[in-house]
Amino acid sequence: MEFLLQKAIKEEVIYRTVSEFYNKGSEGYSKYDPDINLFNLHHGSDFPLRVSVYEQDEPYVNLAIYLAKHLLTNVIISNDSLNPFEWLLVDTSGELKIVYEKPIDISGYFELSDEYKHLLYEI
């Protein structure tokens, strides 16, 4: 599962938040540690941090909503569309919105199409 985060957030905060999501309901001990990788994307990108979580048991939309609400940042996830430029934006209230990526030929650079830019400033 791939998640793009709008804000740069400390690595330990992301690890703790993802772990809390998977361990909700546990009695103060970690019953599961998900495999997480963080990648800094192109500086200046609308969503400069990619978080990869290798876990199949929980629907990724639920984790995206949890991350957006607890980290107070917009999150981009795949909406499994055939259109490679169509994505889901999860805002800090947990609302899902279909958005489109501006086609840019720079590896690791994600930019929303101009008609969706206003969503970046509604945090």
N, C-alpha and C. Protein backbone atom coordinates (compact mmCIF):
# COMPACT_ATOMS: atom_id res chain seq x y z
N MET A 1 0.84 -1.18 0.00
CA MET A 1 0.00 0.00 0.00
C MET A 1 0.89 1.24 0.00
N GLU A 2 0.60 2.14 -0.91
CA GLU A 2 1.38 3.37 -1.04
C GLU A 2 0.51 4.56 -0.63
N PHE A 3 1.10 5.43 0.17
CA PHE A 3 0.44 6.64 0.64
C PHE A 3 1.37 7.82 0.38
N LEU A 4 0.86 8.88 -0.22
CA LEU A 4 1.63 10.10 -0.39
C LEU A 4 1.12 11.11 0.62
N LEU A 5 2.04 11.69 1.41
CA LEU A 5 1.68 12.65 2.45
C LEU A 5 2.07 14.05 2.01
N GLN A 6 1.18 15.01 2.28
CA GLN A 6 1.43 16.38 1.88
C GLN A 6 2.48 17.04 2.77
N LYS A 7 2.47 16.74 4.06
CA LYS A 7 3.40 17.37 4.99
C LYS A 7 4.59 16.46 5.26
N ALA A 8 5.73 17.07 5.48
CA ALA A 8 6.90 16.32 5.93
C ALA A 8 6.71 16.05 7.42
N ILE A 9 6.66 14.80 7.78
CA ILE A 9 6.40 14.39 9.16
C ILE A 9 7.55 13.50 9.61
N LYS A 10 7.94 13.65 10.86
CA LYS A 10 9.07 12.88 11.38
C LYS A 10 8.80 11.38 11.26
N GLU A 11 9.86 10.68 10.92
CA GLU A 11 9.79 9.25 10.69
C GLU A 11 9.19 8.50 11.88
N GLU A 12 9.64 8.83 13.08
CA GLU A 12 9.16 8.11 14.27
C GLU A 12 7.67 8.35 14.52
N VAL A 13 7.16 9.51 14.14
CA VAL A 13 5.73 9.81 14.30
C VAL A 13 4.91 8.96 13.33
N ILE A 14 5.40 8.80 12.12
CA ILE A 14 4.70 7.97 11.14
C ILE A 14 4.70 6.51 11.60
N TYR A 15 5.85 6.00 12.02
CA TYR A 15 5.92 4.62 12.49
C TYR A 15 4.97 4.39 13.67
N ARG A 16 4.95 5.32 14.61
CA ARG A 16 4.08 5.19 15.78
C ARG A 16 2.61 5.20 15.37
N THR A 17 2.24 6.11 14.46
CA THR A 17 0.85 6.23 14.04
C THR A 17 0.38 4.98 13.31
N VAL A 18 1.19 4.46 12.40
CA VAL A 18 0.82 3.24 11.67
C VAL A 18 0.72 2.07 12.64
N SER A 19 1.66 1.97 13.56
CA SER A 19 1.64 0.90 14.55
C SER A 19 0.40 0.99 15.43
N GLU A 20 0.03 2.21 15.84
CA GLU A 20 -1.19 2.40 16.64
C GLU A 20 -2.42 1.94 15.87
N PHE A 21 -2.47 2.22 14.57
CA PHE A 21 -3.60 1.80 13.75
C PHE A 21 -3.74 0.28 13.76
N TYR A 22 -2.64 -0.42 13.57
CA TYR A 22 -2.71 -1.88 13.52
C TYR A 22 -2.86 -2.52 14.89
N ASN A 23 -2.53 -1.80 15.94
CA ASN A 23 -2.60 -2.36 17.29
C ASN A 23 -3.73 -1.78 18.11
N LYS A 24 -4.68 -1.12 17.46
CA LYS A 24 -5.80 -0.55 18.21
C LYS A 24 -6.52 -1.66 18.95
N GLY A 25 -6.87 -1.37 20.17
CA GLY A 25 -7.54 -2.36 20.99
C GLY A 25 -6.60 -3.25 21.79
N SER A 26 -5.28 -3.15 21.55
CA SER A 26 -4.36 -3.97 22.33
C SER A 26 -4.15 -3.32 23.70
N GLU A 27 -3.74 -4.10 24.63
CA GLU A 27 -3.61 -3.65 26.02
C GLU A 27 -2.24 -3.06 26.31
N GLY A 28 -1.83 -2.07 25.54
CA GLY A 28 -0.57 -1.38 25.80
C GLY A 28 0.65 -2.12 25.30
N TYR A 29 0.45 -3.20 24.58
CA TYR A 29 1.59 -3.90 24.01
C TYR A 29 1.38 -4.03 22.51
N SER A 30 2.45 -4.19 21.81
CA SER A 30 2.37 -4.28 20.35
C SER A 30 2.12 -5.72 19.95
N LYS A 31 0.95 -5.97 19.37
CA LYS A 31 0.65 -7.33 18.91
C LYS A 31 1.10 -7.52 17.46
N TYR A 32 1.42 -6.40 16.79
CA TYR A 32 1.82 -6.50 15.39
C TYR A 32 2.65 -5.29 15.02
N ASP A 33 3.74 -5.52 14.33
CA ASP A 33 4.56 -4.43 13.82
C ASP A 33 4.54 -4.49 12.30
N PRO A 34 3.84 -3.56 11.65
CA PRO A 34 3.79 -3.58 10.19
C PRO A 34 5.13 -3.22 9.58
N ASP A 35 5.39 -3.71 8.39
CA ASP A 35 6.60 -3.39 7.65
C ASP A 35 6.37 -2.08 6.91
N ILE A 36 7.16 -1.05 7.26
CA ILE A 36 6.95 0.29 6.73
C ILE A 36 8.25 0.80 6.12
N ASN A 37 8.14 1.44 4.97
CA ASN A 37 9.28 2.13 4.36
C ASN A 37 8.86 3.55 4.02
N LEU A 38 9.77 4.50 4.26
CA LEU A 38 9.52 5.89 3.94
C LEU A 38 10.47 6.33 2.84
N PHE A 39 9.94 7.13 1.92
CA PHE A 39 10.75 7.64 0.82
C PHE A 39 10.47 9.12 0.66
N ASN A 40 11.51 9.92 0.69
CA ASN A 40 11.35 11.34 0.38
C ASN A 40 11.32 11.48 -1.12
N LEU A 41 10.28 12.11 -1.60
CA LEU A 41 10.14 12.31 -3.04
C LEU A 41 10.76 13.64 -3.43
N HIS A 42 10.55 14.04 -4.62
CA HIS A 42 11.13 15.27 -5.17
C HIS A 42 10.75 16.49 -4.33
N HIS A 43 11.75 17.26 -3.92
CA HIS A 43 11.51 18.50 -3.16
C HIS A 43 10.70 19.45 -4.03
N GLY A 44 9.66 20.03 -3.48
CA GLY A 44 8.81 20.94 -4.23
C GLY A 44 7.56 20.25 -4.74
N SER A 45 7.50 18.94 -4.61
CA SER A 45 6.32 18.18 -5.01
C SER A 45 5.16 18.52 -4.09
N ASP A 46 3.93 18.44 -4.58
CA ASP A 46 2.76 18.69 -3.73
C ASP A 46 2.68 17.70 -2.58
N PHE A 47 3.15 16.48 -2.79
CA PHE A 47 3.14 15.43 -1.77
C PHE A 47 4.53 14.82 -1.71
N PRO A 48 5.44 15.39 -0.89
CA PRO A 48 6.85 15.03 -0.94
C PRO A 48 7.26 13.77 -0.18
N LEU A 49 6.32 13.09 0.50
CA LEU A 49 6.70 11.93 1.29
C LEU A 49 5.84 10.73 0.90
N ARG A 50 6.48 9.64 0.53
CA ARG A 50 5.77 8.40 0.21
C ARG A 50 5.98 7.42 1.35
N VAL A 51 4.89 6.85 1.83
CA VAL A 51 4.93 5.85 2.88
C VAL A 51 4.42 4.55 2.28
N SER A 52 5.22 3.51 2.36
CA SER A 52 4.82 2.19 1.89
C SER A 52 4.60 1.30 3.11
N VAL A 53 3.42 0.70 3.17
CA VAL A 53 3.09 -0.21 4.27
C VAL A 53 2.78 -1.56 3.63
N TYR A 54 3.51 -2.58 4.06
CA TYR A 54 3.35 -3.90 3.49
C TYR A 54 2.47 -4.74 4.40
N GLU A 55 1.17 -4.63 4.17
CA GLU A 55 0.17 -5.32 5.00
C GLU A 55 -1.08 -5.48 4.15
N GLN A 56 -1.66 -6.65 4.15
CA GLN A 56 -2.81 -6.90 3.29
C GLN A 56 -4.12 -7.10 4.06
N ASP A 57 -4.07 -7.24 5.37
CA ASP A 57 -5.27 -7.58 6.13
C ASP A 57 -6.28 -6.45 6.27
N GLU A 58 -5.83 -5.23 6.30
CA GLU A 58 -6.70 -4.07 6.54
C GLU A 58 -6.88 -3.29 5.24
N PRO A 59 -8.11 -2.89 4.91
CA PRO A 59 -8.29 -2.06 3.71
C PRO A 59 -7.46 -0.77 3.79
N TYR A 60 -6.73 -0.47 2.72
CA TYR A 60 -5.82 0.66 2.74
C TYR A 60 -6.55 1.99 2.90
N VAL A 61 -7.81 2.06 2.50
CA VAL A 61 -8.56 3.31 2.67
C VAL A 61 -8.71 3.64 4.15
N ASN A 62 -8.94 2.61 4.98
CA ASN A 62 -9.07 2.85 6.43
C ASN A 62 -7.78 3.41 7.02
N LEU A 63 -6.65 2.87 6.59
CA LEU A 63 -5.36 3.39 7.08
C LEU A 63 -5.14 4.80 6.58
N ALA A 64 -5.49 5.09 5.33
CA ALA A 64 -5.32 6.45 4.79
C ALA A 64 -6.15 7.46 5.58
N ILE A 65 -7.36 7.11 5.92
CA ILE A 65 -8.21 8.00 6.72
C ILE A 65 -7.59 8.21 8.10
N TYR A 66 -7.10 7.15 8.70
CA TYR A 66 -6.47 7.24 10.02
C TYR A 66 -5.24 8.14 9.97
N LEU A 67 -4.39 7.95 8.95
CA LEU A 67 -3.20 8.79 8.81
C LEU A 67 -3.57 10.26 8.63
N ALA A 68 -4.53 10.54 7.76
CA ALA A 68 -4.92 11.93 7.50
C ALA A 68 -5.43 12.60 8.76
N LYS A 69 -6.25 11.90 9.53
CA LYS A 69 -6.83 12.48 10.74
C LYS A 69 -5.80 12.65 11.85
N HIS A 70 -4.95 11.65 12.06
CA HIS A 70 -4.00 11.68 13.18
C HIS A 70 -2.73 12.47 12.88
N LEU A 71 -2.33 12.52 11.62
CA LEU A 71 -1.13 13.29 11.27
C LEU A 71 -1.48 14.69 10.77
N LEU A 72 -2.77 14.97 10.65
CA LEU A 72 -3.27 16.27 10.19
C LEU A 72 -2.64 16.69 8.87
N THR A 73 -2.70 15.78 7.92
CA THR A 73 -2.17 16.05 6.59
C THR A 73 -3.05 15.39 5.54
N ASN A 74 -3.10 15.96 4.36
CA ASN A 74 -3.78 15.32 3.24
C ASN A 74 -2.96 14.10 2.81
N VAL A 75 -3.68 13.06 2.37
CA VAL A 75 -3.04 11.83 1.94
C VAL A 75 -3.59 11.47 0.56
N ILE A 76 -2.70 11.08 -0.34
CA ILE A 76 -3.09 10.62 -1.67
C ILE A 76 -2.94 9.10 -1.71
N ILE A 77 -3.99 8.42 -2.22
CA ILE A 77 -3.94 6.98 -2.40
C ILE A 77 -4.51 6.64 -3.78
N SER A 78 -4.23 5.44 -4.22
CA SER A 78 -4.78 4.96 -5.48
C SER A 78 -6.28 4.73 -5.32
N ASN A 79 -7.01 5.01 -6.38
CA ASN A 79 -8.43 4.64 -6.35
C ASN A 79 -8.68 3.47 -7.29
N ASP A 80 -7.62 2.81 -7.70
CA ASP A 80 -7.69 1.62 -8.56
C ASP A 80 -8.39 1.89 -9.88
N SER A 81 -8.27 3.11 -10.36
CA SER A 81 -8.86 3.49 -11.64
C SER A 81 -7.96 3.03 -12.79
N LEU A 82 -8.55 2.88 -13.94
CA LEU A 82 -7.75 2.59 -15.13
C LEU A 82 -6.99 3.82 -15.60
N ASN A 83 -7.43 4.99 -15.17
CA ASN A 83 -6.75 6.24 -15.50
C ASN A 83 -5.56 6.41 -14.55
N PRO A 84 -4.33 6.38 -15.04
CA PRO A 84 -3.17 6.45 -14.15
C PRO A 84 -2.99 7.82 -13.48
N PHE A 85 -3.75 8.83 -13.89
CA PHE A 85 -3.63 10.16 -13.29
C PHE A 85 -4.76 10.45 -12.31
N GLU A 86 -5.64 9.50 -12.09
CA GLU A 86 -6.76 9.67 -11.16
C GLU A 86 -6.41 9.05 -9.81
N TRP A 87 -6.61 9.83 -8.74
CA TRP A 87 -6.25 9.41 -7.39
C TRP A 87 -7.37 9.78 -6.43
N LEU A 88 -7.25 9.29 -5.19
CA LEU A 88 -8.13 9.73 -4.11
C LEU A 88 -7.33 10.59 -3.16
N LEU A 89 -7.88 11.73 -2.81
CA LEU A 89 -7.30 12.58 -1.79
C LEU A 89 -8.13 12.38 -0.53
N VAL A 90 -7.48 12.05 0.57
CA VAL A 90 -8.13 11.92 1.86
C VAL A 90 -7.74 13.15 2.65
N ASP A 91 -8.74 13.97 3.02
CA ASP A 91 -8.41 15.19 3.77
C ASP A 91 -8.41 14.88 5.27
N THR A 92 -8.06 15.88 6.07
CA THR A 92 -7.88 15.67 7.51
C THR A 92 -9.17 15.35 8.25
N SER A 93 -10.30 15.52 7.61
CA SER A 93 -11.57 15.13 8.23
C SER A 93 -11.93 13.69 7.86
N GLY A 94 -11.15 13.09 6.96
CA GLY A 94 -11.40 11.73 6.51
C GLY A 94 -12.24 11.66 5.25
N GLU A 95 -12.58 12.82 4.68
CA GLU A 95 -13.39 12.83 3.45
C GLU A 95 -12.53 12.44 2.26
N LEU A 96 -13.13 11.66 1.36
CA LEU A 96 -12.45 11.19 0.15
C LEU A 96 -12.91 12.01 -1.04
N LYS A 97 -11.93 12.46 -1.85
CA LYS A 97 -12.24 13.24 -3.05
C LYS A 97 -11.40 12.71 -4.20
N ILE A 98 -12.04 12.55 -5.36
CA ILE A 98 -11.29 12.15 -6.55
C ILE A 98 -10.53 13.38 -7.06
N VAL A 99 -9.23 13.20 -7.32
CA VAL A 99 -8.39 14.27 -7.84
C VAL A 99 -7.56 13.70 -8.99
N TYR A 100 -6.94 14.61 -9.73
CA TYR A 100 -6.12 14.21 -10.87
C TYR A 100 -4.72 14.79 -10.74
N GLU A 101 -3.76 13.98 -11.11
CA GLU A 101 -2.36 14.37 -11.11
C GLU A 101 -2.04 15.07 -12.42
N LYS A 102 -1.22 16.12 -12.31
CA LYS A 102 -0.74 16.79 -13.52
C LYS A 102 0.38 15.93 -14.11
N PRO A 103 0.25 15.55 -15.37
CA PRO A 103 1.31 14.73 -15.98
C PRO A 103 2.62 15.52 -16.08
N ILE A 104 3.61 15.08 -15.35
CA ILE A 104 4.93 15.72 -15.34
C ILE A 104 5.96 14.63 -15.51
N ASP A 105 6.94 14.87 -16.34
CA ASP A 105 7.92 13.84 -16.67
C ASP A 105 9.15 13.93 -15.76
N ILE A 106 8.90 13.97 -14.44
CA ILE A 106 9.99 14.00 -13.47
C ILE A 106 9.74 12.87 -12.49
N SER A 107 10.65 11.94 -12.38
CA SER A 107 10.49 10.80 -11.49
C SER A 107 10.38 11.26 -10.03
N GLY A 108 9.40 10.71 -9.30
CA GLY A 108 9.23 11.03 -7.89
C GLY A 108 8.57 12.35 -7.62
N TYR A 109 8.01 12.97 -8.64
CA TYR A 109 7.38 14.28 -8.47
C TYR A 109 5.89 14.12 -8.66
N PHE A 110 5.11 14.53 -7.67
CA PHE A 110 3.65 14.43 -7.75
C PHE A 110 3.06 15.82 -7.62
N GLU A 111 2.28 16.22 -8.60
CA GLU A 111 1.63 17.53 -8.56
C GLU A 111 0.17 17.36 -8.96
N LEU A 112 -0.72 17.96 -8.17
CA LEU A 112 -2.13 17.93 -8.51
C LEU A 112 -2.40 18.84 -9.70
N SER A 113 -3.40 18.47 -10.50
CA SER A 113 -3.84 19.35 -11.58
C SER A 113 -4.34 20.65 -10.98
N ASP A 114 -4.23 21.72 -11.74
CA ASP A 114 -4.54 23.06 -11.23
C ASP A 114 -5.93 23.18 -10.61
N GLU A 115 -6.92 22.49 -11.16
CA GLU A 115 -8.29 22.63 -10.64
C GLU A 115 -8.47 22.02 -9.24
N TYR A 116 -7.45 21.29 -8.74
CA TYR A 116 -7.52 20.69 -7.40
C TYR A 116 -6.54 21.31 -6.42
N LYS A 117 -5.74 22.26 -6.86
CA LYS A 117 -4.73 22.88 -6.00
C LYS A 117 -5.34 23.51 -4.73
N HIS A 118 -6.55 24.05 -4.84
CA HIS A 118 -7.17 24.70 -3.68
C HIS A 118 -7.35 23.71 -2.52
N LEU A 119 -7.43 22.43 -2.79
CA LEU A 119 -7.59 21.42 -1.73
C LEU A 119 -6.36 21.32 -0.85
N LEU A 120 -5.20 21.72 -1.35
CA LEU A 120 -3.96 21.65 -0.60
C LEU A 120 -3.93 22.67 0.54
N TYR A 121 -4.72 23.69 0.44
CA TYR A 121 -4.66 24.79 1.40
C TYR A 121 -5.84 24.80 2.34
N GLU A 122 -6.63 23.74 2.34
CA GLU A 122 -7.81 23.68 3.19
C GLU A 122 -7.54 22.90 4.48
N ILE A 123 -6.29 22.70 4.82
CA ILE A 123 -5.93 21.97 6.04
C ILE A 123 -6.17 22.86 7.25
